[in-house]
Protein backbone atom coordinates (compact mmCIF):
# COMPACT_ATOMS: atom_id res chain seq x y z
CA MET A 1 117.73 117.00 182.75
CA LYS A 2 117.63 117.11 186.24
CA ARG A 3 114.04 118.80 186.35
CA ASN A 4 111.20 118.63 184.00
CA LYS A 5 110.15 121.44 181.69
CA THR A 6 106.07 122.15 180.54
CA PHE A 7 105.99 123.24 177.51
CA TYR A 8 104.30 126.42 178.63
CA HIS A 9 107.96 127.27 179.57
CA ILE A 10 109.72 126.51 176.20
CA ILE A 11 107.35 129.01 174.47
CA ALA A 12 107.42 131.85 176.97
CA SER A 13 111.24 131.81 177.46
CA VAL A 14 111.29 131.99 173.75
CA CYS A 15 109.20 134.96 173.63
CA LEU A 16 110.95 136.28 175.90
CA MET A 17 114.32 136.27 174.06
CA MET A 18 111.96 137.25 170.82
CA GLY A 19 110.20 140.18 172.28
CA MET A 20 107.02 138.93 170.61
CA SER A 21 104.06 140.88 170.88
CA SER A 22 102.21 137.54 169.59
CA CYS A 23 102.97 135.70 172.19
CA SER A 24 101.50 138.95 175.08
CA ASP A 25 98.35 137.36 175.35
CA PHE A 26 99.18 134.03 175.61
CA LEU A 27 101.89 134.65 178.33
CA GLN A 28 98.75 135.91 180.58
CA VAL A 29 96.99 132.22 180.23
CA GLU A 30 97.83 129.67 182.97
CA PRO A 31 100.11 127.35 181.76
CA GLN A 32 98.17 124.66 181.66
CA ASN A 33 99.23 121.98 178.04
CA GLU A 34 95.89 122.14 176.85
CA ILE A 35 95.61 125.90 176.16
CA ILE A 36 98.98 126.30 175.77
CA LEU A 37 98.87 123.87 172.50
CA GLU A 38 95.88 125.45 171.77
CA LYS A 39 97.04 129.12 171.43
CA PHE A 40 100.39 128.49 169.92
CA TRP A 41 100.80 125.95 167.53
CA ASN A 42 98.85 127.29 164.51
CA GLU A 43 101.37 129.23 161.81
CA LYS A 44 104.47 128.80 160.64
CA ALA A 45 105.56 131.46 162.65
CA ASP A 46 105.44 129.71 165.56
CA VAL A 47 107.68 127.26 164.45
CA ASP A 48 110.08 130.12 163.24
CA GLY A 49 109.81 131.76 166.83
CA ILE A 50 111.04 128.23 168.39
CA ILE A 51 114.27 127.73 165.80
CA PHE A 52 114.95 131.24 166.57
CA GLY A 53 114.88 130.74 170.36
CA CYS A 54 117.42 127.48 169.73
CA TYR A 55 119.70 129.08 168.29
CA SER A 56 119.68 131.90 170.44
CA ALA A 57 119.89 129.62 173.09
CA MET A 58 123.24 127.88 171.53
CA GLN A 59 124.58 131.91 171.94
CA SER A 60 124.13 131.71 175.58
CA ASP A 61 127.01 132.60 177.24
CA ASN A 62 126.11 129.42 179.40
CA ILE A 63 126.41 127.04 175.86
CA LEU A 64 129.70 128.99 174.80
CA MET A 65 131.65 128.37 178.02
CA ARG A 66 130.97 124.93 177.95
CA MET A 67 131.73 124.50 174.40
CA MET A 68 135.24 126.25 175.12
CA VAL A 69 136.02 124.38 178.38
CA TRP A 70 134.88 121.20 177.56
CA GLY A 71 136.71 121.36 174.34
CA GLU A 72 140.05 123.38 175.37
CA PHE A 73 140.65 123.41 179.23
CA ARG A 74 141.47 120.08 179.93
CA SER A 75 144.48 119.99 176.58
CA ASP A 76 148.12 120.91 176.89
CA ASN A 77 146.61 124.38 175.23
CA ILE A 78 145.51 126.00 178.40
CA SER A 79 146.74 127.35 181.75
CA ARG A 80 145.96 129.78 184.58
CA GLY A 81 144.87 133.44 183.50
CA LEU A 82 145.28 136.34 185.43
CA ASN A 83 141.33 136.25 186.16
CA LEU A 84 141.24 133.03 186.70
CA ASN A 85 140.32 133.98 190.55
CA ARG A 86 136.90 134.89 189.54
CA ASP A 87 135.83 131.42 188.38
CA ASN A 88 136.68 128.85 191.22
CA SER A 89 135.10 125.70 189.47
CA LEU A 90 137.15 126.24 186.13
CA GLU A 91 140.72 126.78 188.26
CA SER A 92 139.47 123.35 189.28
CA VAL A 93 139.32 122.10 185.58
CA LEU A 94 143.27 123.78 185.04
CA LYS A 95 144.43 121.93 187.52
CA GLU A 96 142.86 118.78 186.69
CA ASN A 97 141.21 118.38 189.81
CA LEU A 98 137.87 117.50 188.61
CA THR A 99 134.41 116.59 190.85
CA ALA A 100 130.68 116.07 190.94
CA SER A 101 129.83 119.32 192.15
CA ASN A 102 132.14 121.45 189.28
CA ALA A 103 129.56 123.76 187.88
CA TYR A 104 130.79 123.03 184.19
CA THR A 105 129.41 119.43 184.99
CA THR A 106 126.24 120.62 183.86
CA TRP A 107 124.36 119.68 181.49
CA ASP A 108 120.95 121.66 182.01
CA GLN A 109 121.50 123.91 179.06
CA PHE A 110 122.24 121.87 176.03
CA TYR A 111 119.04 119.34 177.38
CA ASP A 112 117.05 122.23 177.35
CA ILE A 113 117.90 122.91 173.44
CA ILE A 114 117.19 119.28 172.86
CA ASN A 115 113.51 119.21 174.13
CA ARG A 116 113.07 122.31 172.24
CA CYS A 117 114.18 120.58 169.22
CA ASN A 118 111.91 117.27 170.14
CA THR A 119 109.09 119.43 170.65
CA LEU A 120 108.94 121.04 167.87
CA ILE A 121 109.50 117.95 165.86
CA LYS A 122 106.45 116.82 167.12
CA TYR A 123 104.32 119.64 166.89
CA ALA A 124 105.12 121.34 163.48
CA PRO A 125 103.59 119.30 161.17
CA GLN A 126 100.20 120.34 163.10
CA VAL A 127 101.14 123.98 162.03
CA ALA A 128 101.51 122.52 158.07
CA GLU A 129 98.00 120.74 158.43
CA LYS A 130 96.59 124.44 159.47
CA ASP A 131 98.95 126.81 158.07
CA PRO A 132 98.41 126.14 153.91
CA SER A 133 101.31 128.54 153.79
CA PHE A 134 103.99 126.52 155.27
CA SER A 135 104.41 124.36 152.35
CA LEU A 136 105.45 120.18 153.02
CA SER A 137 109.45 121.05 151.75
CA GLU A 138 109.94 123.69 154.44
CA LEU A 139 108.66 121.40 157.33
CA LYS A 140 110.69 119.05 155.87
CA ALA A 141 113.98 121.32 156.30
CA ASP A 142 112.72 122.96 159.29
CA ILE A 143 112.39 119.08 160.87
CA ALA A 144 116.12 118.27 159.09
CA GLU A 145 117.31 121.29 160.68
CA VAL A 146 116.45 120.98 164.39
CA SER A 147 116.97 117.02 164.42
CA ALA A 148 120.61 118.58 163.38
CA LEU A 149 120.81 120.91 165.86
CA ARG A 150 119.72 118.43 168.87
CA ASP A 151 121.94 115.71 167.62
CA LEU A 152 125.17 118.57 167.60
CA CYS A 153 123.71 119.12 171.17
CA TYR A 154 124.12 115.02 171.97
CA PHE A 155 127.45 114.96 169.86
CA TYR A 156 129.03 117.68 172.30
CA LEU A 157 127.42 115.63 175.04
CA ILE A 158 128.89 111.92 174.70
CA ARG A 159 132.36 113.15 173.57
CA THR A 160 132.51 114.90 177.25
CA PHE A 161 130.65 112.58 179.15
CA ARG A 162 130.51 109.31 177.28
CA ASP A 163 127.24 107.88 178.44
CA VAL A 164 124.31 109.83 178.38
CA PRO A 165 120.53 109.65 179.04
CA TYR A 166 119.36 109.96 175.46
CA THR A 167 115.66 110.52 174.05
CA THR A 168 113.79 111.61 171.32
CA VAL A 169 110.50 112.27 173.05
CA ALA A 170 109.71 115.93 173.50
CA PHE A 171 109.05 116.30 177.12
CA THR A 172 106.22 118.79 177.41
CA ASP A 173 104.52 117.79 180.83
CA ASP A 174 105.35 118.36 184.34
CA ASN A 175 104.23 114.89 185.06
CA GLN A 176 106.33 113.14 182.43
CA VAL A 177 109.47 111.73 183.94
CA MET A 178 113.01 112.58 182.77
CA ASP A 179 114.85 109.97 185.15
CA LEU A 180 116.61 107.94 182.01
CA PRO A 181 119.62 105.82 182.21
CA ALA A 182 122.55 106.53 179.97
CA THR A 183 122.70 105.20 176.76
CA SER A 184 126.18 103.95 175.55
CA PHE A 185 128.32 106.53 173.83
CA ASP A 186 128.67 104.09 170.53
CA ASN A 187 124.89 103.59 170.58
CA VAL A 188 124.18 107.37 171.05
CA LEU A 189 126.68 107.68 168.04
CA ASP A 190 124.54 105.28 165.42
CA SER A 191 121.15 106.92 166.51
CA LEU A 192 122.66 110.59 165.73
CA ILE A 193 124.20 109.54 162.51
CA THR A 194 121.18 107.12 161.42
CA ASN A 195 119.36 110.60 161.93
CA LEU A 196 121.53 112.90 160.27
CA GLU A 197 121.25 110.51 157.39
CA SER A 198 117.82 110.27 157.00
CA VAL A 199 117.15 114.21 157.35
CA LYS A 200 120.57 115.28 155.05
CA ASP A 201 118.48 115.47 151.84
CA GLU A 202 115.69 117.85 153.45
CA ALA A 203 118.11 120.55 154.67
CA VAL A 204 118.32 123.68 153.26
CA LYS A 205 121.44 124.00 151.20
CA ALA A 206 122.54 127.39 151.38
CA TYR A 207 120.81 130.77 152.82
CA PRO A 208 121.30 133.93 150.98
CA SER A 209 124.74 135.96 152.35
CA GLY A 210 124.27 139.41 153.05
CA THR A 211 124.91 142.12 156.18
CA SER A 212 121.48 142.73 157.03
CA THR A 213 120.84 141.20 160.38
CA GLN A 214 118.41 138.52 159.40
CA GLU A 215 120.93 137.62 156.32
CA LEU A 216 123.70 137.22 159.49
CA TYR A 217 121.67 135.13 161.00
CA GLN A 218 120.66 133.02 158.31
CA THR A 219 124.69 131.86 157.99
CA SER A 220 125.08 130.89 161.84
CA ARG A 221 122.33 128.31 160.79
CA ILE A 222 122.67 124.63 159.66
CA THR A 223 122.78 123.55 156.12
CA GLN A 224 123.11 120.70 154.44
CA GLU A 225 126.79 121.18 154.12
CA ALA A 226 127.02 121.59 158.09
CA ILE A 227 124.88 118.31 158.20
CA HIS A 228 127.87 116.76 155.76
CA ALA A 229 130.36 118.03 158.08
CA MET A 230 128.77 116.36 161.48
CA LEU A 231 128.70 112.93 159.60
CA CYS A 232 131.86 113.69 158.41
CA GLU A 233 133.05 114.22 162.09
CA MET A 234 131.30 111.42 163.67
CA TYR A 235 132.38 108.60 161.06
CA LEU A 236 135.47 109.92 162.33
CA TRP A 237 134.66 108.79 165.49
CA LYS A 238 132.61 105.64 164.87
CA GLN A 239 136.17 104.71 163.05
CA ASP A 240 133.88 104.24 159.94
CA TYR A 241 137.28 106.34 157.87
CA GLN A 242 135.80 105.38 154.17
CA LYS A 243 132.36 107.35 155.21
CA CYS A 244 134.11 110.26 156.81
CA ILE A 245 136.42 110.63 153.70
CA GLN A 246 133.17 110.42 152.11
CA TYR A 247 131.25 113.37 153.12
CA ALA A 248 134.26 115.66 154.00
CA ASP A 249 135.10 115.69 149.87
CA LEU A 250 131.38 116.96 149.97
CA VAL A 251 132.05 119.70 151.86
CA ILE A 252 135.49 120.49 150.09
CA ASN A 253 134.03 119.70 146.98
CA ALA A 254 131.16 121.67 147.69
CA LYS A 255 133.60 124.47 148.64
CA LYS A 256 135.17 124.44 145.45
CA LEU A 257 132.55 125.41 143.79
CA GLN A 258 131.70 127.88 145.67
CA ALA A 259 135.05 129.27 144.95
CA GLU A 260 135.10 128.61 141.05
CA GLU A 261 131.75 130.50 141.01
CA LYS A 262 132.73 133.51 143.08
CA GLN A 263 135.81 133.71 140.56
CA LYS A 264 133.98 134.50 137.52
CA THR A 265 132.49 137.65 138.98
CA SER A 266 136.19 138.62 141.04
CA THR A 267 138.65 141.11 139.52
CA THR A 268 141.26 139.56 141.63
CA VAL A 269 143.32 136.18 140.47
CA SER A 270 142.65 133.63 143.42
CA ASP A 271 146.43 131.65 144.64
CA TYR A 272 144.28 128.84 145.41
CA SER A 273 147.06 126.50 143.43
CA LYS A 274 149.64 127.69 146.43
CA PHE A 275 147.12 125.24 148.88
CA GLY A 276 147.00 122.63 146.54
CA GLY A 277 143.99 123.69 144.57
CA TYR A 278 141.98 124.03 148.04
CA PRO A 279 139.94 127.51 148.31
CA LEU A 280 141.41 128.88 151.30
CA ILE A 281 141.63 132.42 152.09
CA SER A 282 145.54 133.67 151.60
CA GLU A 283 147.24 134.42 155.01
CA SER A 284 149.20 137.21 152.96
CA SER A 285 148.58 140.62 153.04
CA TYR A 286 147.62 141.68 149.18
CA GLY A 287 150.29 139.18 147.98
CA SER A 288 153.13 140.62 150.68
CA LEU A 289 155.57 137.59 151.09
CA THR A 290 156.73 139.21 154.12
CA THR A 291 153.30 140.54 155.73
CA PHE A 292 150.37 138.02 156.64
CA GLY A 293 147.53 137.91 158.66
CA ASN A 294 144.63 138.71 156.13
CA ALA A 295 143.24 134.77 156.37
CA TYR A 296 142.78 135.18 160.11
CA THR A 297 141.42 138.41 159.79
CA GLN A 298 138.57 137.22 157.91
CA ILE A 299 137.69 134.36 159.39
CA PHE A 300 138.36 135.31 163.03
CA GLY A 301 137.76 138.93 162.89
CA GLU A 302 135.11 139.41 160.92
CA GLY A 303 133.55 136.12 160.40
CA ASN A 304 131.55 134.51 158.15
CA SER A 305 133.91 133.99 155.92
CA SER A 306 134.62 131.62 152.16
CA GLU A 307 136.00 128.64 154.96
CA SER A 308 132.70 128.78 157.14
CA ILE A 309 130.69 125.84 156.95
CA LEU A 310 128.83 126.57 160.75
CA GLU A 311 129.69 129.31 162.88
CA LEU A 312 127.01 131.14 166.12
CA THR A 313 126.94 133.93 164.91
CA PHE A 314 126.98 137.36 166.85
CA MET A 315 126.11 140.56 165.37
CA PRO A 316 127.82 143.94 164.66
CA ASP A 317 124.87 146.02 166.56
CA ASP A 318 125.62 147.12 169.48
CA ASN A 319 122.16 146.06 170.51
CA MET A 320 122.64 142.01 169.96
CA PRO A 321 123.97 140.15 171.89
CA SER A 322 128.12 139.64 171.84
CA ASN A 323 130.02 136.80 172.45
CA GLY A 324 130.75 137.42 176.38
CA ALA A 325 131.94 133.73 176.76
CA VAL A 326 135.12 134.52 175.09
CA ASN A 327 135.51 137.76 176.42
CA LEU A 328 135.59 135.83 180.11
CA CYS A 329 137.68 132.48 178.97
CA TYR A 330 140.34 134.44 176.40
CA GLY A 331 140.57 138.13 177.63
CA PHE A 332 138.94 141.67 176.45
CA GLY A 333 140.42 144.95 175.36
CA ILE A 334 140.58 148.10 177.85
CA GLY A 335 142.10 151.18 175.86
CA GLY A 336 142.94 149.28 173.24
CA VAL A 337 145.45 147.23 175.45
CA PRO A 338 144.59 142.99 175.38
CA THR A 339 143.46 141.73 178.67
CA MET A 340 143.52 138.09 179.92
CA GLY A 341 140.68 136.56 180.69
CA TYR A 342 139.92 133.18 182.76
CA GLY A 343 142.66 130.99 180.21
CA ALA A 344 145.99 131.67 178.93
CA PRO A 345 148.33 129.88 176.94
CA SER A 346 149.97 127.27 178.43
CA THR A 347 153.69 127.29 178.07
CA TYR A 348 154.34 124.37 176.40
CA VAL A 349 152.04 125.94 173.36
CA SER A 350 154.04 129.65 173.91
CA ASP A 351 157.39 129.30 174.86
CA VAL A 352 159.62 131.00 172.54
CA THR A 353 163.14 130.70 174.70
CA THR A 354 163.80 126.82 173.63
CA THR A 355 165.89 126.30 170.58
CA ALA A 356 163.73 124.17 169.03
CA ASN A 357 162.04 124.67 165.30
CA ASN A 358 164.36 127.53 164.68
CA GLY A 359 163.26 129.76 168.22
CA LEU A 360 160.30 128.37 168.95
CA ASN A 361 158.21 125.65 171.10
CA ASP A 362 157.58 121.34 169.82
CA VAL A 363 153.61 123.02 168.18
CA PHE A 364 155.19 126.10 166.01
CA MET A 365 157.44 126.58 163.67
CA LYS A 366 159.19 130.40 163.47
CA TYR A 367 157.37 131.48 160.71
CA ASP A 368 154.16 130.37 161.27
CA SER A 369 152.04 132.80 161.62
CA ARG A 370 149.32 131.19 163.73
CA TYR A 371 151.55 131.34 166.78
CA TYR A 372 151.52 135.30 166.54
CA GLU A 373 147.75 135.76 165.94
CA ASN A 374 146.71 133.33 168.57
CA ILE A 375 149.41 134.04 171.38
CA LEU A 376 150.23 137.58 172.68
CA ALA A 377 153.19 138.01 174.71
CA LYS A 378 152.97 134.47 176.04
CA THR A 379 150.20 135.62 178.68
CA SER A 380 146.97 136.20 176.53
CA ILE A 381 144.88 134.32 173.83
CA GLY A 382 144.58 136.44 170.79
CA LYS A 383 142.69 134.53 168.49
CA TYR A 384 139.54 135.97 168.94
CA LEU A 385 140.62 139.33 169.95
CA TYR A 386 141.66 141.45 167.18
CA THR A 387 139.35 143.07 164.65
CA ARG A 388 142.19 142.92 162.75
CA SER A 389 145.99 141.87 162.94
CA SER A 390 148.68 141.76 160.26
CA ILE A 391 152.20 140.17 160.99
CA ASP A 392 155.22 141.69 159.91
CA PHE A 393 158.34 138.85 158.92
CA SER A 394 160.31 140.85 157.16
CA SER A 395 162.89 140.96 160.00
CA THR A 396 164.02 138.46 162.20
CA ASN A 397 162.07 138.61 165.01
CA PRO A 398 158.36 138.69 163.69
CA ASN A 399 156.39 141.48 164.80
CA LEU A 400 152.17 141.63 165.48
CA TYR A 401 150.20 144.49 164.62
CA TYR A 402 146.89 144.91 165.00
CA GLY A 403 143.78 147.50 164.61
CA GLY A 404 141.66 147.40 167.70
CA VAL A 405 140.66 144.77 169.90
CA TYR A 406 137.15 143.77 171.41
CA SER A 407 136.37 145.78 174.52
CA GLU A 408 135.02 144.24 178.00
CA LYS A 409 131.63 142.46 177.03
CA ARG A 410 131.40 143.90 173.23
CA ASN A 411 133.19 141.24 171.80
CA LYS A 412 131.66 140.27 168.35
CA SER A 413 133.71 137.42 167.18
CA ASN A 414 131.70 134.46 165.91
CA TRP A 415 132.05 131.25 167.57
CA ILE A 416 133.10 128.78 164.64
CA ILE A 417 131.94 125.08 164.93
CA TYR A 418 133.23 124.27 161.90
CA ARG A 419 135.43 125.43 159.12
CA LEU A 420 137.16 124.16 155.75
CA THR A 421 140.76 123.10 156.93
CA ASP A 422 138.60 121.24 160.26
CA ILE A 423 137.28 119.19 157.46
CA MET A 424 140.25 118.69 155.38
CA LEU A 425 142.36 117.65 158.69
CA MET A 426 139.34 115.37 159.33
CA LYS A 427 140.03 113.51 156.12
CA ALA A 428 144.03 113.69 156.62
CA GLU A 429 143.38 111.49 159.76
CA ALA A 430 141.25 109.27 158.56
CA GLU A 431 143.29 108.57 155.43
CA ALA A 432 146.21 108.11 157.82
CA GLN A 433 144.01 105.30 159.79
CA LEU A 434 143.59 103.23 156.17
CA ILE A 435 146.99 102.63 156.01
CA SER A 436 147.25 99.19 156.69
CA ASN A 437 150.62 98.64 157.57
CA GLU A 438 153.52 100.38 159.10
CA GLN A 439 156.20 98.78 156.69
CA ASP A 440 156.08 97.69 153.07
CA LEU A 441 153.03 100.21 152.10
CA SER A 442 150.87 98.76 149.25
CA ASP A 443 149.70 101.13 146.31
CA GLN A 444 147.25 102.01 148.24
CA ASP A 445 148.59 102.57 151.53
CA LYS A 446 151.04 105.17 149.22
CA ASN A 447 148.35 106.68 147.95
CA TYR A 448 146.30 107.30 151.35
CA LEU A 449 149.66 108.26 153.00
CA ASN A 450 150.29 111.31 150.06
CA SER A 451 146.88 112.22 150.50
CA ALA A 452 147.14 112.81 153.65
CA PHE A 453 150.32 115.20 153.41
CA SER A 454 148.78 116.96 150.30
CA LEU A 455 145.90 117.92 152.48
CA VAL A 456 148.48 118.92 156.01
CA THR A 457 150.88 120.29 153.34
CA ALA A 458 148.08 122.65 152.16
CA VAL A 459 146.77 123.91 155.29
CA ASN A 460 150.36 124.34 156.82
CA LYS A 461 151.48 126.15 153.88
CA ARG A 462 148.78 129.09 154.02
CA SER A 463 150.19 129.89 157.74
CA ILE A 464 153.58 129.90 156.36
CA CYS A 465 155.50 132.65 155.18
CA GLN A 466 156.20 132.01 151.66
CA ASN A 467 159.80 133.19 151.13
CA VAL A 468 161.42 130.88 154.23
CA LEU A 469 161.48 127.14 152.67
CA LYS A 470 163.13 126.05 155.06
CA ASP A 471 159.93 125.67 157.67
CA THR A 472 157.88 123.75 154.79
CA LEU A 473 157.32 120.13 156.02
CA ASP A 474 159.43 117.83 154.70
CA PRO A 475 157.68 114.20 152.76
CA LYS A 476 160.79 112.78 154.02
CA LYS A 477 159.97 112.88 157.57
CA TYR A 478 156.46 111.18 157.14
CA LEU A 479 156.34 107.76 155.94
CA THR A 480 154.51 105.85 158.11
CA LYS A 481 151.25 105.20 158.99
CA ALA A 482 152.13 106.48 162.82
CA ASP A 483 154.75 109.32 161.21
CA MET A 484 151.28 110.60 159.28
CA GLU A 485 148.94 110.10 162.14
CA ASN A 486 151.30 112.46 164.21
CA LEU A 487 151.92 115.09 161.77
CA VAL A 488 147.86 115.07 161.11
CA LEU A 489 146.92 115.16 164.69
CA GLU A 490 150.07 118.07 165.40
CA GLU A 491 149.11 120.00 161.82
CA ARG A 492 145.19 120.28 163.68
CA HIS A 493 146.63 121.56 167.10
CA ARG A 494 148.27 124.36 165.06
CA GLU A 495 145.21 125.28 163.19
CA LEU A 496 142.49 124.89 165.67
CA MET A 497 144.21 126.25 168.58
CA PHE A 498 141.41 127.55 170.78
CA GLU A 499 138.48 126.37 169.14
CA GLY A 500 137.17 123.47 171.82
CA LYS A 501 138.45 121.28 169.48
CA ARG A 502 142.22 120.09 171.02
CA TRP A 503 140.84 117.59 174.17
CA TYR A 504 138.31 116.19 171.71
CA ASP A 505 141.01 115.44 169.31
CA LEU A 506 143.00 113.57 172.37
CA VAL A 507 140.11 111.56 173.54
CA ARG A 508 139.30 110.97 170.34
CA LYS A 509 142.96 108.79 169.85
CA SER A 510 142.74 107.59 173.14
CA ARG A 511 139.80 105.94 172.36
CA ARG A 512 141.28 104.15 168.92
CA ASP A 513 144.52 103.63 171.04
CA GLY A 514 142.68 101.90 173.38
CA ASN A 515 145.00 103.89 176.24
CA THR A 516 145.55 107.52 177.50
CA LYS A 517 149.18 107.04 176.96
CA TYR A 518 149.10 110.18 173.70
CA LEU A 519 146.68 111.79 176.02
CA SER A 520 148.42 112.37 179.42
CA GLY A 521 151.85 112.98 177.40
CA GLN A 522 150.42 115.65 175.80
CA VAL A 523 148.26 116.77 178.69
CA LEU A 524 151.34 116.79 181.18
CA GLN A 525 153.36 119.00 179.23
CA LYS A 526 151.88 121.81 180.68
CA TYR A 527 152.29 121.32 184.45
CA THR A 528 155.20 121.95 186.36
CA SER A 529 154.33 120.77 189.52
CA ASN A 530 152.08 117.43 190.76
CA THR A 531 152.60 115.92 187.29
CA SER A 532 152.60 112.20 188.89
CA ALA A 533 149.24 112.83 190.94
CA ILE A 534 147.79 113.90 187.37
CA GLN A 535 149.17 111.44 185.58
CA ASP A 536 147.51 108.62 187.98
CA LYS A 537 144.32 110.81 187.46
CA LEU A 538 144.44 110.13 183.16
CA ALA A 539 146.01 106.60 183.54
CA LYS A 540 142.97 105.56 183.00
CA MET A 541 140.00 105.53 180.23
CA ASP A 542 137.29 106.56 182.28
CA ALA A 543 139.02 109.42 183.51
CA ILE A 544 139.38 111.57 180.44
CA PHE A 545 135.35 111.92 180.51
CA TRP A 546 133.25 114.04 183.03
CA PRO A 547 131.67 113.46 185.63
CA TYR A 548 128.03 113.82 186.17
CA ASN A 549 127.11 116.60 188.19
CA ILE A 550 126.32 115.47 191.88
CA ASP A 551 122.58 117.34 191.79
CA GLU A 552 122.04 114.91 188.62
CA LEU A 553 122.50 112.27 190.53
CA LYS A 554 120.40 113.04 193.47
CA VAL A 555 117.42 113.32 191.18
CA ASN A 556 118.33 110.82 188.60
CA LYS A 557 118.57 107.59 190.48
CA ASN A 558 119.07 105.62 187.25
CA LEU A 559 122.03 107.79 186.20
CA LYS A 560 125.42 105.58 187.86
CA GLN A 561 128.15 108.13 188.03
CA ASN A 562 131.55 107.59 186.20
CA PRO A 563 133.93 105.26 187.79
CA ALA A 564 136.57 107.10 187.44
CA PHE A 565 134.81 109.14 190.27
CA GLY A 566 133.68 106.96 192.81
CA SER A 567 130.09 107.87 194.23
CA GLY A 568 130.65 110.68 192.98
CA GLU A 569 130.36 112.48 196.62
CA SER A 570 133.52 112.40 197.70
CA GLY A 571 135.05 115.05 195.74
CA ASN A 572 137.86 113.02 194.50
CA TYR A 573 139.21 110.82 191.71
CA ASP A 574 138.98 107.36 192.47
CA THR A 575 142.42 106.22 190.41
CA THR A 576 141.83 102.62 191.37
CA LYS A 577 139.01 102.22 189.07
């Protein structure tokens, strides 16, 4: 938000990304707003072009890098990768040495998308009046979609920076001043929820699936189901756990219904009963009791699986954009050999030398396929690397085999924002929080406890080699609210590792607890030096949110720096505040 964007610039950028011939004459005129409005907002294709441009911007490396860095790199999951010397700002993040000059404290790209969405919401009704083919239901669906996309951007911002400038006004004129003060986290969150509640019923319920470029593009668009998923998570952050469960159930039940419909025409019998009736893709390959990897191949290698709710789709066509952000952060392949990126699995999550859990660390169990699919030889992150993977558990030393890796700058892995197991575990977290007593549980408390455990078990069981009963979860170990809360967080850690979720999970718990004890305890496990200084930095609630960029502060005098970072110009944490 540090500089104004004219409407001309918004439209021009969309035209360039789309290669729209219809914009050729428009680009020749002077960028005077009156002319632009007259020449552009006339037909539904103009609205479609802006929507396409918003999603194209979401797929940019700048946006995806921030989703990854903001959501993962300060957590206990990530340590220094082999190629980190190419990004000094990211190295500072991994050292927990954040300053206001760090490149990843910029948010311009998110506010650019927010402004595009606000601009469409302002002008799309005028298009409907001019274009008789643009129906009222289509108009409402488009507004619902971009409203949700705008709110998703704000949701990333508040989880990262806490208080942020918030507006639903379209800035289309350079004379408009954008020096807005920060709105509090809670007020922004309430606004996002109110808005999504108002538009959810107008959203498209589902787009047709297929393999064409257009059909694949549609799979990455926000639907009613995606809005339900967003509301589920937002209510979880708001600590309105009944509402969180309500929207989780809407998503879960929709997935169950989709699975039932698919089963009617399928020649194979589902094994959903193994996972408590939840429609999870089996991890075992072709019913094998010893070979796993099928689920991860479909979810991450191929993308747009039956468990997907919202993911940014990178087309298989080599002429379409590839997921460069994943390559940079997590690694790529050269000659079929995996190579480290800027980040690597921390020793804490990748160590196989300890005696805990039958030979693995305290995060994974020995026969948890997610360990072998997430982590390569303790040095590389494999989650988004494979086109195919298979884990053989037939011996005492499980082995990973992969059928090809994506080459440098040609990664076609989708970036998943919401998938089914994520929602299931949100519901479990909400149920754990609704348990009222630590001891002498009421019948309702026991119902919440049992339901939460069944959700976690379903997710966990999908990834555990089915013939190894000793590695299944023991319900006798999780009989209190605290035990169940920790179990849910642990399962989210295992299931969603490297998906841009972990740091936000730790921040959410800190807000709920009113302190950073759990967060700092987890994060410190990945460090072997300077631990006292890092612990001091993370001791205050302010410090778990990011500083505002120094250039933003210079332009926007109404924005005050996060107190944990002093004035924002010293380059140091202020551990006294």
